[in-house]
Amino acid sequence: MSSGGPVPATGQKTALQSTTASSIKILYGESNEQTLSAQSAEMTNAGHHVTTALDRKGVTEALRRDTFELVILGATLSKDDRHHLPYMVKKAHAGTKVLVMHAGTHHHEVDDAIDPSLSMHRILEKIATLHQSK
């Protein structure tokens, strides 16, 4: 007998997926490719549609090509990028939410900030909360 807990039946959501009420179209930017790859994979596994962007240039190019419900600016982006990109996001798409993965962010164009050292489960909960506050 397995002690790993209940396994969801076919078609049921896992605990990670249940933290997200629905799929969100996310643009996720980082400066570190490994961090970008690992974190975006977890967001995708939670049921979100994630477009990745490397560095400031990648984020600005993605904003020109498409619209997103949420833009996440990762902790490996420079402080300067985390400061200037929220303005660019809101200018390109006024209704887009901005989440910055940095503990001490106080910026009027940022909808919320989260400490990047928290677990991915907490980050996914924050994403769901932002999505519900539309």
N, C-alpha and C. Protein backbone atom coordinates (compact mmCIF):
# COMPACT_ATOMS: atom_id res chain seq x y z
N MET A 1 0.82 -1.19 0.00
CA MET A 1 0.00 0.00 0.00
C MET A 1 0.87 1.25 0.00
N SER A 2 0.49 2.26 -0.78
CA SER A 2 1.25 3.49 -0.89
C SER A 2 0.91 4.44 0.24
N SER A 3 1.92 5.11 0.78
CA SER A 3 1.67 6.11 1.83
C SER A 3 1.82 7.52 1.29
N GLY A 4 1.84 7.66 -0.03
CA GLY A 4 2.03 8.96 -0.66
C GLY A 4 0.79 9.82 -0.72
N GLY A 5 -0.32 9.36 -0.18
CA GLY A 5 -1.55 10.16 -0.20
C GLY A 5 -2.41 9.79 -1.39
N PRO A 6 -3.59 10.36 -1.46
CA PRO A 6 -4.51 10.00 -2.54
C PRO A 6 -4.01 10.47 -3.90
N VAL A 7 -4.26 9.64 -4.88
CA VAL A 7 -3.90 9.97 -6.25
C VAL A 7 -5.16 10.45 -6.93
N PRO A 8 -5.12 11.62 -7.60
CA PRO A 8 -6.33 12.12 -8.24
C PRO A 8 -6.79 11.20 -9.35
N ALA A 9 -8.11 11.02 -9.45
CA ALA A 9 -8.68 10.22 -10.53
C ALA A 9 -8.46 10.97 -11.84
N THR A 10 -8.56 10.24 -12.93
CA THR A 10 -8.38 10.86 -14.24
C THR A 10 -9.33 12.04 -14.37
N GLY A 11 -8.78 13.17 -14.81
CA GLY A 11 -9.58 14.36 -14.99
C GLY A 11 -9.63 15.28 -13.78
N GLN A 12 -9.17 14.80 -12.62
CA GLN A 12 -9.15 15.66 -11.44
C GLN A 12 -7.84 16.42 -11.39
N LYS A 13 -7.88 17.58 -10.76
CA LYS A 13 -6.69 18.41 -10.64
C LYS A 13 -5.83 17.95 -9.47
N THR A 14 -4.53 18.11 -9.62
CA THR A 14 -3.62 17.85 -8.52
C THR A 14 -3.69 19.01 -7.54
N ALA A 15 -3.07 18.88 -6.37
CA ALA A 15 -3.07 19.96 -5.38
C ALA A 15 -2.44 21.22 -5.97
N LEU A 16 -1.38 21.05 -6.78
CA LEU A 16 -0.72 22.20 -7.39
C LEU A 16 -1.65 22.89 -8.37
N GLN A 17 -2.38 22.12 -9.17
CA GLN A 17 -3.30 22.71 -10.13
C GLN A 17 -4.49 23.35 -9.46
N SER A 18 -4.91 22.85 -8.30
CA SER A 18 -6.09 23.40 -7.65
C SER A 18 -5.83 24.77 -7.05
N THR A 19 -4.56 25.18 -6.92
CA THR A 19 -4.27 26.53 -6.42
C THR A 19 -4.55 27.58 -7.48
N THR A 20 -4.76 27.15 -8.69
CA THR A 20 -5.05 28.07 -9.77
C THR A 20 -6.46 27.82 -10.27
N ALA A 21 -7.32 28.82 -10.15
CA ALA A 21 -8.71 28.66 -10.51
C ALA A 21 -8.87 28.39 -12.00
N SER A 22 -8.06 29.00 -12.85
CA SER A 22 -8.14 28.81 -14.28
C SER A 22 -6.79 29.13 -14.90
N SER A 23 -6.67 28.75 -16.15
CA SER A 23 -5.43 29.02 -16.85
C SER A 23 -5.26 30.52 -17.08
N ILE A 24 -4.07 30.99 -16.87
CA ILE A 24 -3.75 32.41 -17.03
C ILE A 24 -2.68 32.53 -18.10
N LYS A 25 -2.81 33.53 -18.95
CA LYS A 25 -1.80 33.78 -19.97
C LYS A 25 -0.72 34.67 -19.34
N ILE A 26 0.45 34.07 -19.14
CA ILE A 26 1.54 34.70 -18.40
C ILE A 26 2.75 34.96 -19.29
N LEU A 27 3.34 36.13 -19.12
CA LEU A 27 4.67 36.41 -19.66
C LEU A 27 5.61 36.41 -18.47
N TYR A 28 6.61 35.53 -18.51
CA TYR A 28 7.54 35.39 -17.39
C TYR A 28 8.95 35.72 -17.85
N GLY A 29 9.56 36.72 -17.23
CA GLY A 29 10.90 37.15 -17.62
C GLY A 29 11.92 36.97 -16.52
N GLU A 30 13.08 36.50 -16.89
CA GLU A 30 14.24 36.33 -16.00
C GLU A 30 15.49 36.63 -16.82
N SER A 31 16.60 36.82 -16.13
CA SER A 31 17.89 36.98 -16.79
C SER A 31 18.70 35.70 -16.76
N ASN A 32 18.30 34.74 -15.94
CA ASN A 32 19.00 33.47 -15.81
C ASN A 32 18.18 32.38 -16.51
N GLU A 33 18.74 31.77 -17.54
CA GLU A 33 18.01 30.77 -18.33
C GLU A 33 17.57 29.56 -17.53
N GLN A 34 18.40 29.09 -16.60
CA GLN A 34 18.03 27.92 -15.80
C GLN A 34 16.84 28.22 -14.89
N THR A 35 16.87 29.38 -14.25
CA THR A 35 15.75 29.78 -13.40
C THR A 35 14.49 29.93 -14.23
N LEU A 36 14.60 30.57 -15.38
CA LEU A 36 13.47 30.78 -16.28
C LEU A 36 12.86 29.45 -16.69
N SER A 37 13.68 28.52 -17.07
CA SER A 37 13.21 27.21 -17.52
C SER A 37 12.52 26.44 -16.40
N ALA A 38 13.15 26.37 -15.24
CA ALA A 38 12.59 25.60 -14.12
C ALA A 38 11.27 26.19 -13.61
N GLN A 39 11.25 27.50 -13.41
CA GLN A 39 10.05 28.14 -12.86
C GLN A 39 8.90 28.11 -13.86
N SER A 40 9.19 28.36 -15.13
CA SER A 40 8.12 28.36 -16.14
C SER A 40 7.53 26.96 -16.31
N ALA A 41 8.36 25.93 -16.18
CA ALA A 41 7.85 24.56 -16.27
C ALA A 41 6.84 24.28 -15.15
N GLU A 42 7.13 24.77 -13.95
CA GLU A 42 6.19 24.56 -12.84
C GLU A 42 4.89 25.31 -13.05
N MET A 43 4.97 26.52 -13.61
CA MET A 43 3.76 27.29 -13.90
C MET A 43 2.93 26.59 -14.98
N THR A 44 3.61 26.05 -15.99
CA THR A 44 2.93 25.32 -17.05
C THR A 44 2.27 24.06 -16.48
N ASN A 45 2.96 23.35 -15.61
CA ASN A 45 2.41 22.16 -14.98
C ASN A 45 1.18 22.48 -14.15
N ALA A 46 1.09 23.71 -13.66
CA ALA A 46 -0.07 24.12 -12.88
C ALA A 46 -1.24 24.52 -13.78
N GLY A 47 -1.04 24.45 -15.10
CA GLY A 47 -2.13 24.70 -16.03
C GLY A 47 -2.13 26.05 -16.70
N HIS A 48 -1.09 26.85 -16.50
CA HIS A 48 -1.03 28.17 -17.11
C HIS A 48 -0.36 28.12 -18.48
N HIS A 49 -0.71 29.09 -19.32
CA HIS A 49 -0.04 29.25 -20.61
C HIS A 49 1.09 30.26 -20.38
N VAL A 50 2.33 29.80 -20.43
CA VAL A 50 3.47 30.64 -20.09
C VAL A 50 4.34 30.90 -21.30
N THR A 51 4.58 32.19 -21.56
CA THR A 51 5.55 32.61 -22.57
C THR A 51 6.76 33.11 -21.79
N THR A 52 7.93 32.64 -22.16
CA THR A 52 9.14 33.04 -21.45
C THR A 52 9.90 34.10 -22.23
N ALA A 53 10.60 34.93 -21.47
CA ALA A 53 11.41 36.00 -22.08
C ALA A 53 12.71 36.13 -21.30
N LEU A 54 13.79 36.17 -22.02
CA LEU A 54 15.11 36.30 -21.40
C LEU A 54 15.53 37.77 -21.45
N ASP A 55 15.79 38.33 -20.29
CA ASP A 55 16.26 39.71 -20.14
C ASP A 55 15.21 40.74 -20.53
N ARG A 56 15.56 41.98 -20.33
CA ARG A 56 14.66 43.11 -20.60
C ARG A 56 14.23 43.15 -22.06
N LYS A 57 15.17 42.92 -22.95
CA LYS A 57 14.87 42.95 -24.38
C LYS A 57 13.82 41.89 -24.74
N GLY A 58 13.96 40.72 -24.19
CA GLY A 58 12.99 39.65 -24.46
C GLY A 58 11.60 39.99 -23.96
N VAL A 59 11.52 40.63 -22.79
CA VAL A 59 10.22 41.03 -22.23
C VAL A 59 9.58 42.09 -23.14
N THR A 60 10.34 43.10 -23.53
CA THR A 60 9.76 44.16 -24.37
C THR A 60 9.34 43.63 -25.74
N GLU A 61 10.11 42.70 -26.31
CA GLU A 61 9.73 42.11 -27.60
C GLU A 61 8.44 41.29 -27.46
N ALA A 62 8.33 40.53 -26.40
CA ALA A 62 7.12 39.72 -26.18
C ALA A 62 5.89 40.61 -26.00
N LEU A 63 6.05 41.74 -25.32
CA LEU A 63 4.94 42.67 -25.13
C LEU A 63 4.49 43.29 -26.45
N ARG A 64 5.41 43.46 -27.37
CA ARG A 64 5.05 43.99 -28.69
C ARG A 64 4.29 42.96 -29.52
N ARG A 65 4.60 41.69 -29.33
CA ARG A 65 4.01 40.62 -30.14
C ARG A 65 2.65 40.17 -29.64
N ASP A 66 2.39 40.27 -28.33
CA ASP A 66 1.19 39.63 -27.78
C ASP A 66 0.71 40.36 -26.53
N THR A 67 -0.49 40.02 -26.08
CA THR A 67 -1.02 40.56 -24.82
C THR A 67 -1.04 39.44 -23.79
N PHE A 68 -0.95 39.82 -22.53
CA PHE A 68 -0.90 38.85 -21.44
C PHE A 68 -1.80 39.33 -20.31
N GLU A 69 -2.29 38.39 -19.53
CA GLU A 69 -3.08 38.74 -18.36
C GLU A 69 -2.17 39.14 -17.20
N LEU A 70 -0.99 38.51 -17.16
CA LEU A 70 -0.05 38.73 -16.06
C LEU A 70 1.37 38.70 -16.59
N VAL A 71 2.17 39.66 -16.14
CA VAL A 71 3.60 39.67 -16.44
C VAL A 71 4.32 39.48 -15.11
N ILE A 72 5.19 38.46 -15.08
CA ILE A 72 5.98 38.19 -13.88
C ILE A 72 7.42 38.56 -14.18
N LEU A 73 7.94 39.46 -13.37
CA LEU A 73 9.34 39.89 -13.51
C LEU A 73 10.14 39.18 -12.44
N GLY A 74 11.01 38.28 -12.87
CA GLY A 74 11.73 37.42 -11.95
C GLY A 74 12.88 38.10 -11.23
N ALA A 75 13.33 37.43 -10.19
CA ALA A 75 14.36 37.96 -9.30
C ALA A 75 15.72 38.10 -9.96
N THR A 76 15.97 37.36 -11.04
CA THR A 76 17.29 37.46 -11.67
C THR A 76 17.38 38.64 -12.64
N LEU A 77 16.26 39.31 -12.91
CA LEU A 77 16.33 40.56 -13.68
C LEU A 77 17.01 41.60 -12.81
N SER A 78 17.66 42.55 -13.43
CA SER A 78 18.35 43.58 -12.65
C SER A 78 17.33 44.46 -11.92
N LYS A 79 17.80 45.13 -10.89
CA LYS A 79 16.95 46.06 -10.14
C LYS A 79 16.40 47.13 -11.08
N ASP A 80 17.22 47.59 -11.99
CA ASP A 80 16.81 48.59 -12.98
C ASP A 80 15.68 48.05 -13.87
N ASP A 81 15.82 46.80 -14.31
CA ASP A 81 14.77 46.18 -15.15
C ASP A 81 13.47 46.02 -14.36
N ARG A 82 13.58 45.57 -13.11
CA ARG A 82 12.37 45.39 -12.29
C ARG A 82 11.70 46.74 -12.00
N HIS A 83 12.45 47.83 -12.09
CA HIS A 83 11.88 49.16 -11.89
C HIS A 83 11.24 49.70 -13.18
N HIS A 84 11.92 49.56 -14.31
CA HIS A 84 11.45 50.16 -15.55
C HIS A 84 10.43 49.31 -16.32
N LEU A 85 10.55 48.00 -16.26
CA LEU A 85 9.64 47.16 -17.02
C LEU A 85 8.16 47.31 -16.62
N PRO A 86 7.81 47.49 -15.35
CA PRO A 86 6.38 47.68 -15.04
C PRO A 86 5.76 48.86 -15.80
N TYR A 87 6.51 49.95 -15.97
CA TYR A 87 6.01 51.08 -16.76
C TYR A 87 5.74 50.64 -18.20
N MET A 88 6.67 49.87 -18.76
CA MET A 88 6.53 49.41 -20.15
C MET A 88 5.32 48.49 -20.31
N VAL A 89 5.12 47.62 -19.32
CA VAL A 89 3.98 46.69 -19.35
C VAL A 89 2.68 47.49 -19.36
N LYS A 90 2.52 48.40 -18.42
CA LYS A 90 1.27 49.17 -18.29
C LYS A 90 1.05 50.08 -19.49
N LYS A 91 2.13 50.60 -20.07
CA LYS A 91 1.99 51.45 -21.25
C LYS A 91 1.52 50.62 -22.44
N ALA A 92 2.04 49.41 -22.57
CA ALA A 92 1.69 48.54 -23.69
C ALA A 92 0.28 47.97 -23.54
N HIS A 93 -0.09 47.60 -22.31
CA HIS A 93 -1.38 46.94 -22.05
C HIS A 93 -1.86 47.33 -20.66
N ALA A 94 -2.67 48.36 -20.57
CA ALA A 94 -3.07 48.95 -19.29
C ALA A 94 -3.69 47.95 -18.31
N GLY A 95 -4.41 46.96 -18.79
CA GLY A 95 -5.10 46.02 -17.90
C GLY A 95 -4.25 44.86 -17.42
N THR A 96 -3.04 44.76 -17.87
CA THR A 96 -2.17 43.65 -17.50
C THR A 96 -1.67 43.82 -16.07
N LYS A 97 -1.73 42.74 -15.29
CA LYS A 97 -1.22 42.74 -13.92
C LYS A 97 0.29 42.50 -13.96
N VAL A 98 1.00 43.08 -12.98
CA VAL A 98 2.45 42.90 -12.89
C VAL A 98 2.78 42.35 -11.51
N LEU A 99 3.48 41.22 -11.50
CA LEU A 99 3.97 40.60 -10.27
C LEU A 99 5.49 40.61 -10.32
N VAL A 100 6.11 41.17 -9.29
CA VAL A 100 7.57 41.22 -9.24
C VAL A 100 8.04 40.25 -8.17
N MET A 101 8.99 39.40 -8.53
CA MET A 101 9.55 38.44 -7.59
C MET A 101 10.76 39.08 -6.91
N HIS A 102 10.43 39.89 -5.91
CA HIS A 102 11.45 40.58 -5.13
C HIS A 102 10.78 41.04 -3.85
N ALA A 103 11.41 40.80 -2.73
CA ALA A 103 10.77 41.04 -1.43
C ALA A 103 10.48 42.51 -1.15
N GLY A 104 11.32 43.42 -1.59
CA GLY A 104 11.17 44.81 -1.16
C GLY A 104 10.65 45.78 -2.19
N THR A 105 9.83 45.33 -3.12
CA THR A 105 9.37 46.20 -4.19
C THR A 105 8.18 47.05 -3.75
N HIS A 106 8.32 48.35 -3.88
CA HIS A 106 7.22 49.30 -3.65
C HIS A 106 7.18 50.20 -4.88
N HIS A 107 6.28 49.91 -5.78
CA HIS A 107 6.25 50.57 -7.08
C HIS A 107 4.79 50.71 -7.47
N HIS A 108 4.37 51.91 -7.86
CA HIS A 108 2.95 52.13 -8.13
C HIS A 108 2.42 51.40 -9.36
N GLU A 109 3.27 50.95 -10.25
CA GLU A 109 2.83 50.19 -11.42
C GLU A 109 2.84 48.67 -11.18
N VAL A 110 3.30 48.25 -10.00
CA VAL A 110 3.36 46.83 -9.67
C VAL A 110 2.11 46.46 -8.88
N ASP A 111 1.41 45.42 -9.34
CA ASP A 111 0.18 44.99 -8.66
C ASP A 111 0.47 44.20 -7.40
N ASP A 112 1.59 43.48 -7.39
CA ASP A 112 1.98 42.74 -6.19
C ASP A 112 3.44 42.31 -6.32
N ALA A 113 4.02 41.98 -5.19
CA ALA A 113 5.40 41.48 -5.14
C ALA A 113 5.43 40.27 -4.23
N ILE A 114 6.36 39.37 -4.48
CA ILE A 114 6.49 38.18 -3.66
C ILE A 114 7.97 37.86 -3.50
N ASP A 115 8.32 37.39 -2.33
CA ASP A 115 9.69 36.99 -2.05
C ASP A 115 10.02 35.76 -2.89
N PRO A 116 11.04 35.82 -3.74
CA PRO A 116 11.36 34.70 -4.61
C PRO A 116 11.88 33.46 -3.87
N SER A 117 12.22 33.61 -2.60
CA SER A 117 12.69 32.45 -1.85
C SER A 117 11.55 31.56 -1.36
N LEU A 118 10.30 32.01 -1.53
CA LEU A 118 9.15 31.20 -1.14
C LEU A 118 8.99 30.02 -2.08
N SER A 119 8.25 29.03 -1.65
CA SER A 119 8.04 27.85 -2.48
C SER A 119 7.22 28.19 -3.72
N MET A 120 7.33 27.36 -4.74
CA MET A 120 6.56 27.57 -5.96
C MET A 120 5.07 27.47 -5.66
N HIS A 121 4.68 26.68 -4.70
CA HIS A 121 3.27 26.58 -4.32
C HIS A 121 2.75 27.95 -3.88
N ARG A 122 3.51 28.67 -3.07
CA ARG A 122 3.11 30.02 -2.62
C ARG A 122 3.05 31.00 -3.79
N ILE A 123 4.00 30.88 -4.70
CA ILE A 123 4.02 31.75 -5.86
C ILE A 123 2.79 31.49 -6.73
N LEU A 124 2.43 30.22 -6.91
CA LEU A 124 1.23 29.88 -7.68
C LEU A 124 -0.03 30.40 -6.99
N GLU A 125 -0.05 30.36 -5.67
CA GLU A 125 -1.19 30.92 -4.93
C GLU A 125 -1.29 32.43 -5.18
N LYS A 126 -0.16 33.12 -5.20
CA LYS A 126 -0.14 34.56 -5.45
C LYS A 126 -0.64 34.86 -6.87
N ILE A 127 -0.24 34.03 -7.83
CA ILE A 127 -0.70 34.19 -9.21
C ILE A 127 -2.23 34.06 -9.26
N ALA A 128 -2.76 33.05 -8.59
CA ALA A 128 -4.21 32.82 -8.57
C ALA A 128 -4.93 34.00 -7.91
N THR A 129 -4.38 34.52 -6.84
CA THR A 129 -4.99 35.66 -6.14
C THR A 129 -5.04 36.89 -7.05
N LEU A 130 -3.94 37.15 -7.75
CA LEU A 130 -3.91 38.29 -8.68
C LEU A 130 -4.93 38.11 -9.80
N HIS A 131 -5.05 36.89 -10.29
CA HIS A 131 -5.98 36.61 -11.38
C HIS A 131 -7.44 36.81 -10.92
N GLN A 132 -7.73 36.43 -9.71
CA GLN A 132 -9.09 36.56 -9.17
C GLN A 132 -9.45 38.01 -8.89
N SER A 133 -8.46 38.87 -8.73
CA SER A 133 -8.72 40.27 -8.38
C SER A 133 -8.96 41.14 -9.62
N LYS A 134 -9.20 40.54 -10.77
CA LYS A 134 -9.41 41.29 -12.01
C LYS A 134 -10.59 42.23 -11.88
